[in-house]
Amino acid sequence: MSKVNIKPLADRVLVEAAAAEEKTASGIIIPDTAKEKPQKGKVIAVGNGKKDEPLTVKEGDEVLYGKYAGTEITVDGKEYLIMRESDIFAIV
């Protein structure tokens, strides 16, 4: 697992997005211009949660999130998303 010196605040979660699909299920290669933004990723760090609501996700969880969820940040050349836990739809 990646080690990052970022600690999200409150109910925020730091997610490393999964790589975009290179091929379709039928074997067609997808060009870079047609690749969709992945909606799956791995939780790298979590905040402490809100006072009344503890977080349900934890580091290392694979999660599904909305297409336009979170804010993209770059740390040490790697791209991450930082989002609220409410933007996460499911733990896989």
PDB file of N, CA and C in Angstrom:
ATOM      1  N   MET A   1       0.841  -1.167   0.000  1.00  0.00           N
ATOM      2  CA  MET A   1       0.000   0.000   0.000  1.00  0.00           C
ATOM      3  C   MET A   1       0.891   1.236   0.000  1.00  0.00           C
ATOM      4  N   SER A   2       0.451   2.265  -0.689  1.00  0.00           N
ATOM      5  CA  SER A   2       1.200   3.506  -0.768  1.00  0.00           C
ATOM      6  C   SER A   2       1.201   4.205   0.585  1.00  0.00           C
ATOM      7  N   LYS A   3       2.322   4.817   0.933  1.00  0.00           N
ATOM      8  CA  LYS A   3       2.399   5.586   2.174  1.00  0.00           C
ATOM      9  C   LYS A   3       2.494   7.051   1.793  1.00  0.00           C
ATOM     10  N   VAL A   4       1.519   7.836   2.247  1.00  0.00           N
ATOM     11  CA  VAL A   4       1.443   9.246   1.909  1.00  0.00           C
ATOM     12  C   VAL A   4       1.362  10.044   3.198  1.00  0.00           C
ATOM     13  N   ASN A   5       2.032  11.191   3.233  1.00  0.00           N
ATOM     14  CA  ASN A   5       2.011  12.033   4.424  1.00  0.00           C
ATOM     15  C   ASN A   5       0.854  13.016   4.387  1.00  0.00           C
ATOM     16  N   ILE A   6      -0.336  12.533   4.086  1.00  0.00           N
ATOM     17  CA  ILE A   6      -1.526  13.365   4.073  1.00  0.00           C
ATOM     18  C   ILE A   6      -2.539  12.730   5.015  1.00  0.00           C
ATOM     19  N   LYS A   7      -3.090  13.518   5.916  1.00  0.00           N
ATOM     20  CA  LYS A   7      -4.121  13.047   6.835  1.00  0.00           C
ATOM     21  C   LYS A   7      -5.371  13.880   6.550  1.00  0.00           C
ATOM     22  N   PRO A   8      -6.375  13.294   5.886  1.00  0.00           N
ATOM     23  CA  PRO A   8      -7.611  14.036   5.607  1.00  0.00           C
ATOM     24  C   PRO A   8      -8.298  14.463   6.905  1.00  0.00           C
ATOM     25  N   LEU A   9      -9.025  15.565   6.840  1.00  0.00           N
ATOM     26  CA  LEU A   9      -9.734  16.078   8.006  1.00  0.00           C
ATOM     27  C   LEU A   9     -11.185  15.614   8.008  1.00  0.00           C
ATOM     28  N   ALA A  10     -11.768  15.519   9.183  1.00  0.00           N
ATOM     29  CA  ALA A  10     -13.187  15.207   9.399  1.00  0.00           C
ATOM     30  C   ALA A  10     -13.603  13.956   8.640  1.00  0.00           C
ATOM     31  N   ASP A  11     -14.609  14.068   7.755  1.00  0.00           N
ATOM     32  CA  ASP A  11     -15.150  12.891   7.064  1.00  0.00           C
ATOM     33  C   ASP A  11     -14.574  12.720   5.660  1.00  0.00           C
ATOM     34  N   ARG A  12     -13.397  13.259   5.431  1.00  0.00           N
ATOM     35  CA  ARG A  12     -12.789  13.149   4.103  1.00  0.00           C
ATOM     36  C   ARG A  12     -11.915  11.900   4.003  1.00  0.00           C
ATOM     37  N   VAL A  13     -11.769  11.421   2.753  1.00  0.00           N
ATOM     38  CA  VAL A  13     -11.047  10.187   2.466  1.00  0.00           C
ATOM     39  C   VAL A  13     -10.108  10.435   1.291  1.00  0.00           C
ATOM     40  N   LEU A  14      -8.885   9.918   1.361  1.00  0.00           N
ATOM     41  CA  LEU A  14      -7.925  10.014   0.263  1.00  0.00           C
ATOM     42  C   LEU A  14      -7.960   8.705  -0.504  1.00  0.00           C
ATOM     43  N   VAL A  15      -8.237   8.779  -1.824  1.00  0.00           N
ATOM     44  CA  VAL A  15      -8.419   7.588  -2.659  1.00  0.00           C
ATOM     45  C   VAL A  15      -7.432   7.628  -3.822  1.00  0.00           C
ATOM     46  N   GLU A  16      -6.804   6.494  -4.097  1.00  0.00           N
ATOM     47  CA  GLU A  16      -5.971   6.338  -5.284  1.00  0.00           C
ATOM     48  C   GLU A  16      -6.839   5.649  -6.333  1.00  0.00           C
ATOM     49  N   ALA A  17      -7.110   6.349  -7.431  1.00  0.00           N
ATOM     50  CA  ALA A  17      -7.991   5.817  -8.469  1.00  0.00           C
ATOM     51  C   ALA A  17      -7.340   4.621  -9.161  1.00  0.00           C
ATOM     52  N   ALA A  18      -8.173   3.649  -9.532  1.00  0.00           N
ATOM     53  CA  ALA A  18      -7.689   2.490 -10.288  1.00  0.00           C
ATOM     54  C   ALA A  18      -7.323   2.941 -11.697  1.00  0.00           C
ATOM     55  N   ALA A  19      -6.483   2.187 -12.359  1.00  0.00           N
ATOM     56  CA  ALA A  19      -6.079   2.526 -13.723  1.00  0.00           C
ATOM     57  C   ALA A  19      -7.266   2.400 -14.673  1.00  0.00           C
ATOM     58  N   ALA A  20      -7.307   3.258 -15.689  1.00  0.00           N
ATOM     59  CA  ALA A  20      -8.381   3.207 -16.680  1.00  0.00           C
ATOM     60  C   ALA A  20      -8.242   1.940 -17.518  1.00  0.00           C
ATOM     61  N   GLU A  21      -9.373   1.422 -17.969  1.00  0.00           N
ATOM     62  CA  GLU A  21      -9.383   0.194 -18.772  1.00  0.00           C
ATOM     63  C   GLU A  21      -8.666   0.414 -20.106  1.00  0.00           C
ATOM     64  N   GLU A  22      -7.802  -0.526 -20.475  1.00  0.00           N
ATOM     65  CA  GLU A  22      -7.073  -0.464 -21.739  1.00  0.00           C
ATOM     66  C   GLU A  22      -7.850  -1.132 -22.873  1.00  0.00           C
ATOM     67  N   LYS A  23      -8.640  -2.181 -22.527  1.00  0.00           N
ATOM     68  CA  LYS A  23      -9.401  -2.951 -23.512  1.00  0.00           C
ATOM     69  C   LYS A  23     -10.827  -3.140 -23.039  1.00  0.00           C
ATOM     70  N   THR A  24     -11.712  -3.343 -23.998  1.00  0.00           N
ATOM     71  CA  THR A  24     -13.087  -3.698 -23.651  1.00  0.00           C
ATOM     72  C   THR A  24     -13.147  -5.198 -23.373  1.00  0.00           C
ATOM     73  N   ALA A  25     -14.280  -5.665 -22.895  1.00  0.00           N
ATOM     74  CA  ALA A  25     -14.439  -7.093 -22.611  1.00  0.00           C
ATOM     75  C   ALA A  25     -14.281  -7.939 -23.867  1.00  0.00           C
ATOM     76  N   SER A  26     -14.619  -7.372 -25.022  1.00  0.00           N
ATOM     77  CA  SER A  26     -14.506  -8.120 -26.274  1.00  0.00           C
ATOM     78  C   SER A  26     -13.122  -8.016 -26.906  1.00  0.00           C
ATOM     79  N   GLY A  27     -12.194  -7.266 -26.277  1.00  0.00           N
ATOM     80  CA  GLY A  27     -10.822  -7.212 -26.763  1.00  0.00           C
ATOM     81  C   GLY A  27     -10.476  -5.994 -27.595  1.00  0.00           C
ATOM     82  N   ILE A  28     -11.381  -5.053 -27.758  1.00  0.00           N
ATOM     83  CA  ILE A  28     -11.094  -3.838 -28.527  1.00  0.00           C
ATOM     84  C   ILE A  28     -10.247  -2.908 -27.667  1.00  0.00           C
ATOM     85  N   ILE A  29      -9.147  -2.406 -28.229  1.00  0.00           N
ATOM     86  CA  ILE A  29      -8.257  -1.508 -27.501  1.00  0.00           C
ATOM     87  C   ILE A  29      -8.850  -0.102 -27.513  1.00  0.00           C
ATOM     88  N   ILE A  30      -8.909   0.510 -26.336  1.00  0.00           N
ATOM     89  CA  ILE A  30      -9.495   1.844 -26.186  1.00  0.00           C
ATOM     90  C   ILE A  30      -8.383   2.887 -26.317  1.00  0.00           C
ATOM     91  N   PRO A  31      -8.519   3.860 -27.237  1.00  0.00           N
ATOM     92  CA  PRO A  31      -7.497   4.914 -27.349  1.00  0.00           C
ATOM     93  C   PRO A  31      -7.542   5.848 -26.134  1.00  0.00           C
ATOM     94  N   ASP A  32      -6.435   6.544 -25.894  1.00  0.00           N
ATOM     95  CA  ASP A  32      -6.341   7.433 -24.728  1.00  0.00           C
ATOM     96  C   ASP A  32      -7.434   8.491 -24.703  1.00  0.00           C
ATOM     97  N   THR A  33      -7.831   8.992 -25.850  1.00  0.00           N
ATOM     98  CA  THR A  33      -8.833  10.056 -25.901  1.00  0.00           C
ATOM     99  C   THR A  33     -10.229   9.563 -25.540  1.00  0.00           C
ATOM    100  N   ALA A  34     -10.495   8.265 -25.627  1.00  0.00           N
ATOM    101  CA  ALA A  34     -11.831   7.722 -25.354  1.00  0.00           C
ATOM    102  C   ALA A  34     -11.946   7.063 -23.982  1.00  0.00           C
ATOM    103  N   LYS A  35     -10.853   7.012 -23.236  1.00  0.00           N
ATOM    104  CA  LYS A  35     -10.897   6.363 -21.925  1.00  0.00           C
ATOM    105  C   LYS A  35     -11.739   7.183 -20.964  1.00  0.00           C
ATOM    106  N   GLU A  36     -12.549   6.478 -20.179  1.00  0.00           N
ATOM    107  CA  GLU A  36     -13.374   7.143 -19.173  1.00  0.00           C
ATOM    108  C   GLU A  36     -12.628   7.200 -17.846  1.00  0.00           C
ATOM    109  N   LYS A  37     -12.963   8.188 -17.066  1.00  0.00           N
ATOM    110  CA  LYS A  37     -12.397   8.348 -15.736  1.00  0.00           C
ATOM    111  C   LYS A  37     -12.834   7.156 -14.879  1.00  0.00           C
ATOM    112  N   PRO A  38     -11.906   6.481 -14.201  1.00  0.00           N
ATOM    113  CA  PRO A  38     -12.302   5.329 -13.381  1.00  0.00           C
ATOM    114  C   PRO A  38     -13.196   5.756 -12.216  1.00  0.00           C
ATOM    115  N   GLN A  39     -14.077   4.848 -11.812  1.00  0.00           N
ATOM    116  CA  GLN A  39     -14.984   5.113 -10.700  1.00  0.00           C
ATOM    117  C   GLN A  39     -14.732   4.141  -9.562  1.00  0.00           C
ATOM    118  N   LYS A  40     -13.534   3.594  -9.538  1.00  0.00           N
ATOM    119  CA  LYS A  40     -13.154   2.620  -8.521  1.00  0.00           C
ATOM    120  C   LYS A  40     -11.764   2.993  -8.033  1.00  0.00           C
ATOM    121  N   GLY A  41     -11.505   2.786  -6.757  1.00  0.00           N
ATOM    122  CA  GLY A  41     -10.185   3.108  -6.241  1.00  0.00           C
ATOM    123  C   GLY A  41      -9.937   2.466  -4.892  1.00  0.00           C
ATOM    124  N   LYS A  42      -8.737   2.724  -4.370  1.00  0.00           N
ATOM    125  CA  LYS A  42      -8.313   2.159  -3.094  1.00  0.00           C
ATOM    126  C   LYS A  42      -8.139   3.291  -2.089  1.00  0.00           C
ATOM    127  N   VAL A  43      -8.689   3.106  -0.901  1.00  0.00           N
ATOM    128  CA  VAL A  43      -8.581   4.116   0.150  1.00  0.00           C
ATOM    129  C   VAL A  43      -7.157   4.095   0.699  1.00  0.00           C
ATOM    130  N   ILE A  44      -6.504   5.249   0.677  1.00  0.00           N
ATOM    131  CA  ILE A  44      -5.129   5.375   1.146  1.00  0.00           C
ATOM    132  C   ILE A  44      -5.079   5.925   2.566  1.00  0.00           C
ATOM    133  N   ALA A  45      -5.935   6.906   2.875  1.00  0.00           N
ATOM    134  CA  ALA A  45      -5.969   7.507   4.209  1.00  0.00           C
ATOM    135  C   ALA A  45      -7.381   7.991   4.507  1.00  0.00           C
ATOM    136  N   VAL A  46      -7.748   8.006   5.776  1.00  0.00           N
ATOM    137  CA  VAL A  46      -9.072   8.470   6.186  1.00  0.00           C
ATOM    138  C   VAL A  46      -8.933   9.486   7.322  1.00  0.00           C
ATOM    139  N   GLY A  47      -9.924  10.386   7.408  1.00  0.00           N
ATOM    140  CA  GLY A  47      -9.963  11.352   8.505  1.00  0.00           C
ATOM    141  C   GLY A  47     -10.511  10.693   9.761  1.00  0.00           C
ATOM    142  N   ASN A  48     -10.739  11.505  10.785  1.00  0.00           N
ATOM    143  CA  ASN A  48     -11.241  10.993  12.057  1.00  0.00           C
ATOM    144  C   ASN A  48     -12.754  10.861  12.088  1.00  0.00           C
ATOM    145  N   GLY A  49     -13.442  11.399  11.101  1.00  0.00           N
ATOM    146  CA  GLY A  49     -14.897  11.365  11.087  1.00  0.00           C
ATOM    147  C   GLY A  49     -15.461  12.572  11.815  1.00  0.00           C
ATOM    148  N   LYS A  50     -16.763  12.726  11.723  1.00  0.00           N
ATOM    149  CA  LYS A  50     -17.434  13.808  12.435  1.00  0.00           C
ATOM    150  C   LYS A  50     -17.710  13.358  13.862  1.00  0.00           C
ATOM    151  N   LYS A  51     -18.065  14.311  14.717  1.00  0.00           N
ATOM    152  CA  LYS A  51     -18.279  14.020  16.130  1.00  0.00           C
ATOM    153  C   LYS A  51     -19.343  12.944  16.347  1.00  0.00           C
ATOM    154  N   ASP A  52     -20.452  13.034  15.604  1.00  0.00           N
ATOM    155  CA  ASP A  52     -21.560  12.097  15.784  1.00  0.00           C
ATOM    156  C   ASP A  52     -21.546  10.927  14.805  1.00  0.00           C
ATOM    157  N   GLU A  53     -20.675  10.992  13.775  1.00  0.00           N
ATOM    158  CA  GLU A  53     -20.679   9.959  12.734  1.00  0.00           C
ATOM    159  C   GLU A  53     -19.271   9.416  12.499  1.00  0.00           C
ATOM    160  N   PRO A  54     -18.937   8.244  13.016  1.00  0.00           N
ATOM    161  CA  PRO A  54     -17.634   7.655  12.711  1.00  0.00           C
ATOM    162  C   PRO A  54     -17.607   7.165  11.258  1.00  0.00           C
ATOM    163  N   LEU A  55     -16.424   7.125  10.679  1.00  0.00           N
ATOM    164  CA  LEU A  55     -16.286   6.674   9.290  1.00  0.00           C
ATOM    165  C   LEU A  55     -16.462   5.166   9.183  1.00  0.00           C
ATOM    166  N   THR A  56     -17.077   4.724   8.089  1.00  0.00           N
ATOM    167  CA  THR A  56     -17.259   3.290   7.866  1.00  0.00           C
ATOM    168  C   THR A  56     -16.171   2.705   6.973  1.00  0.00           C
ATOM    169  N   VAL A  57     -15.515   3.541   6.160  1.00  0.00           N
ATOM    170  CA  VAL A  57     -14.420   3.037   5.323  1.00  0.00           C
ATOM    171  C   VAL A  57     -13.121   3.099   6.115  1.00  0.00           C
ATOM    172  N   LYS A  58     -12.165   2.231   5.737  1.00  0.00           N
ATOM    173  CA  LYS A  58     -10.862   2.246   6.387  1.00  0.00           C
ATOM    174  C   LYS A  58      -9.776   2.093   5.330  1.00  0.00           C
ATOM    175  N   GLU A  59      -8.554   2.335   5.713  1.00  0.00           N
ATOM    176  CA  GLU A  59      -7.436   2.246   4.781  1.00  0.00           C
ATOM    177  C   GLU A  59      -7.367   0.854   4.169  1.00  0.00           C
ATOM    178  N   GLY A  60      -7.131   0.808   2.854  1.00  0.00           N
ATOM    179  CA  GLY A  60      -7.016  -0.462   2.154  1.00  0.00           C
ATOM    180  C   GLY A  60      -8.302  -0.933   1.501  1.00  0.00           C
ATOM    181  N   ASP A  61      -9.448  -0.324   1.820  1.00  0.00           N
ATOM    182  CA  ASP A  61     -10.731  -0.713   1.212  1.00  0.00           C
ATOM    183  C   ASP A  61     -10.762  -0.338  -0.271  1.00  0.00           C
ATOM    184  N   GLU A  62     -11.367  -1.201  -1.079  1.00  0.00           N
ATOM    185  CA  GLU A  62     -11.656  -0.880  -2.482  1.00  0.00           C
ATOM    186  C   GLU A  62     -13.047  -0.272  -2.508  1.00  0.00           C
ATOM    187  N   VAL A  63     -13.197   0.904  -3.117  1.00  0.00           N
ATOM    188  CA  VAL A  63     -14.470   1.613  -3.089  1.00  0.00           C
ATOM    189  C   VAL A  63     -14.921   2.028  -4.491  1.00  0.00           C
ATOM    190  N   LEU A  64     -16.234   2.216  -4.625  1.00  0.00           N
ATOM    191  CA  LEU A  64     -16.837   2.768  -5.827  1.00  0.00           C
ATOM    192  C   LEU A  64     -17.347   4.159  -5.487  1.00  0.00           C
ATOM    193  N   TYR A  65     -17.103   5.124  -6.372  1.00  0.00           N
ATOM    194  CA  TYR A  65     -17.514   6.504  -6.117  1.00  0.00           C
ATOM    195  C   TYR A  65     -18.066   7.128  -7.394  1.00  0.00           C
ATOM    196  N   GLY A  66     -18.670   8.285  -7.263  1.00  0.00           N
ATOM    197  CA  GLY A  66     -19.280   8.973  -8.396  1.00  0.00           C
ATOM    198  C   GLY A  66     -18.254   9.452  -9.406  1.00  0.00           C
ATOM    199  N   LYS A  67     -18.702   9.597 -10.646  1.00  0.00           N
ATOM    200  CA  LYS A  67     -17.819   9.978 -11.745  1.00  0.00           C
ATOM    201  C   LYS A  67     -17.124  11.318 -11.498  1.00  0.00           C
ATOM    202  N   TYR A  68     -17.837  12.276 -10.922  1.00  0.00           N
ATOM    203  CA  TYR A  68     -17.265  13.608 -10.709  1.00  0.00           C
ATOM    204  C   TYR A  68     -17.015  13.895  -9.237  1.00  0.00           C
ATOM    205  N   ALA A  69     -16.867  12.856  -8.434  1.00  0.00           N
ATOM    206  CA  ALA A  69     -16.668  13.021  -6.992  1.00  0.00           C
ATOM    207  C   ALA A  69     -15.241  13.446  -6.678  1.00  0.00           C
ATOM    208  N   GLY A  70     -15.091  14.224  -5.642  1.00  0.00           N
ATOM    209  CA  GLY A  70     -13.779  14.555  -5.101  1.00  0.00           C
ATOM    210  C   GLY A  70     -13.006  15.617  -5.856  1.00  0.00           C
ATOM    211  N   THR A  71     -11.852  15.922  -5.303  1.00  0.00           N
ATOM    212  CA  THR A  71     -10.928  16.898  -5.862  1.00  0.00           C
ATOM    213  C   THR A  71      -9.620  16.191  -6.161  1.00  0.00           C
ATOM    214  N   GLU A  72      -9.112  16.374  -7.370  1.00  0.00           N
ATOM    215  CA  GLU A  72      -7.864  15.719  -7.755  1.00  0.00           C
ATOM    216  C   GLU A  72      -6.681  16.485  -7.180  1.00  0.00           C
ATOM    217  N   ILE A  73      -5.746  15.750  -6.561  1.00  0.00           N
ATOM    218  CA  ILE A  73      -4.512  16.342  -6.063  1.00  0.00           C
ATOM    219  C   ILE A  73      -3.345  15.469  -6.508  1.00  0.00           C
ATOM    220  N   THR A  74      -2.164  16.068  -6.603  1.00  0.00           N
ATOM    221  CA  THR A  74      -0.959  15.331  -6.971  1.00  0.00           C
ATOM    222  C   THR A  74       0.056  15.459  -5.842  1.00  0.00           C
ATOM    223  N   VAL A  75       0.547  14.314  -5.374  1.00  0.00           N
ATOM    224  CA  VAL A  75       1.547  14.276  -4.305  1.00  0.00           C
ATOM    225  C   VAL A  75       2.676  13.370  -4.770  1.00  0.00           C
ATOM    226  N   ASP A  76       3.890  13.902  -4.786  1.00  0.00           N
ATOM    227  CA  ASP A  76       5.075  13.141  -5.205  1.00  0.00           C
ATOM    228  C   ASP A  76       4.880  12.490  -6.573  1.00  0.00           C
ATOM    229  N   GLY A  77       4.211  13.181  -7.495  1.00  0.00           N
ATOM    230  CA  GLY A  77       4.018  12.675  -8.854  1.00  0.00           C
ATOM    231  C   GLY A  77       2.883  11.684  -9.010  1.00  0.00           C
ATOM    232  N   LYS A  78       2.188  11.332  -7.934  1.00  0.00           N
ATOM    233  CA  LYS A  78       1.056  10.401  -8.022  1.00  0.00           C
ATOM    234  C   LYS A  78      -0.241  11.180  -7.860  1.00  0.00           C
ATOM    235  N   GLU A  79      -1.257  10.759  -8.603  1.00  0.00           N
ATOM    236  CA  GLU A  79      -2.557  11.429  -8.560  1.00  0.00           C
ATOM    237  C   GLU A  79      -3.480  10.742  -7.560  1.00  0.00           C
ATOM    238  N   TYR A  80      -4.154  11.537  -6.759  1.00  0.00           N
ATOM    239  CA  TYR A  80      -5.104  11.055  -5.765  1.00  0.00           C
ATOM    240  C   TYR A  80      -6.386  11.872  -5.846  1.00  0.00           C
ATOM    241  N   LEU A  81      -7.440  11.345  -5.257  1.00  0.00           N
ATOM    242  CA  LEU A  81      -8.691  12.076  -5.096  1.00  0.00           C
ATOM    243  C   LEU A  81      -8.949  12.222  -3.608  1.00  0.00           C
ATOM    244  N   ILE A  82      -9.381  13.407  -3.203  1.00  0.00           N
ATOM    245  CA  ILE A  82      -9.797  13.592  -1.820  1.00  0.00           C
ATOM    246  C   ILE A  82     -11.275  13.940  -1.861  1.00  0.00           C
ATOM    247  N   MET A  83     -12.074  13.155  -1.131  1.00  0.00           N
ATOM    248  CA  MET A  83     -13.530  13.307  -1.201  1.00  0.00           C
ATOM    249  C   MET A  83     -14.158  13.047   0.159  1.00  0.00           C
ATOM    250  N   ARG A  84     -15.402  13.456   0.289  1.00  0.00           N
ATOM    251  CA  ARG A  84     -16.154  13.167   1.505  1.00  0.00           C
ATOM    252  C   ARG A  84     -16.605  11.705   1.462  1.00  0.00           C
ATOM    253  N   GLU A  85     -16.789  11.123   2.624  1.00  0.00           N
ATOM    254  CA  GLU A  85     -17.239   9.739   2.673  1.00  0.00           C
ATOM    255  C   GLU A  85     -18.608   9.583   2.010  1.00  0.00           C
ATOM    256  N   SER A  86     -19.433  10.612   2.049  1.00  0.00           N
ATOM    257  CA  SER A  86     -20.767  10.545   1.439  1.00  0.00           C
ATOM    258  C   SER A  86     -20.699  10.446  -0.083  1.00  0.00           C
ATOM    259  N   ASP A  87     -19.549  10.777  -0.702  1.00  0.00           N
ATOM    260  CA  ASP A  87     -19.380  10.626  -2.158  1.00  0.00           C
ATOM    261  C   ASP A  87     -19.089   9.191  -2.543  1.00  0.00           C
ATOM    262  N   ILE A  88     -18.796   8.328  -1.565  1.00  0.00           N
ATOM    263  CA  ILE A  88     -18.489   6.924  -1.838  1.00  0.00           C
ATOM    264  C   ILE A  88     -19.797   6.140  -1.812  1.00  0.00           C
ATOM    265  N   PHE A  89     -20.025   5.355  -2.886  1.00  0.00           N
ATOM    266  CA  PHE A  89     -21.271   4.593  -3.020  1.00  0.00           C
ATOM    267  C   PHE A  89     -21.193   3.226  -2.333  1.00  0.00           C
ATOM    268  N   ALA A  90     -20.052   2.538  -2.444  1.00  0.00           N
ATOM    269  CA  ALA A  90     -19.984   1.166  -1.939  1.00  0.00           C
ATOM    270  C   ALA A  90     -18.535   0.761  -1.660  1.00  0.00           C
ATOM    271  N   ILE A  91     -18.389  -0.213  -0.774  1.00  0.00           N
ATOM    272  CA  ILE A  91     -17.111  -0.871  -0.538  1.00  0.00           C
ATOM    273  C   ILE A  91     -17.166  -2.202  -1.269  1.00  0.00           C
ATOM    274  N   VAL A  92     -16.175  -2.468  -2.094  1.00  0.00           N
ATOM    275  CA  VAL A  92     -16.170  -3.705  -2.908  1.00  0.00           C
ATOM    276  C   VAL A  92     -15.446  -4.792  -2.151  1.00  0.00           C
TER     277      VAL A  92
END
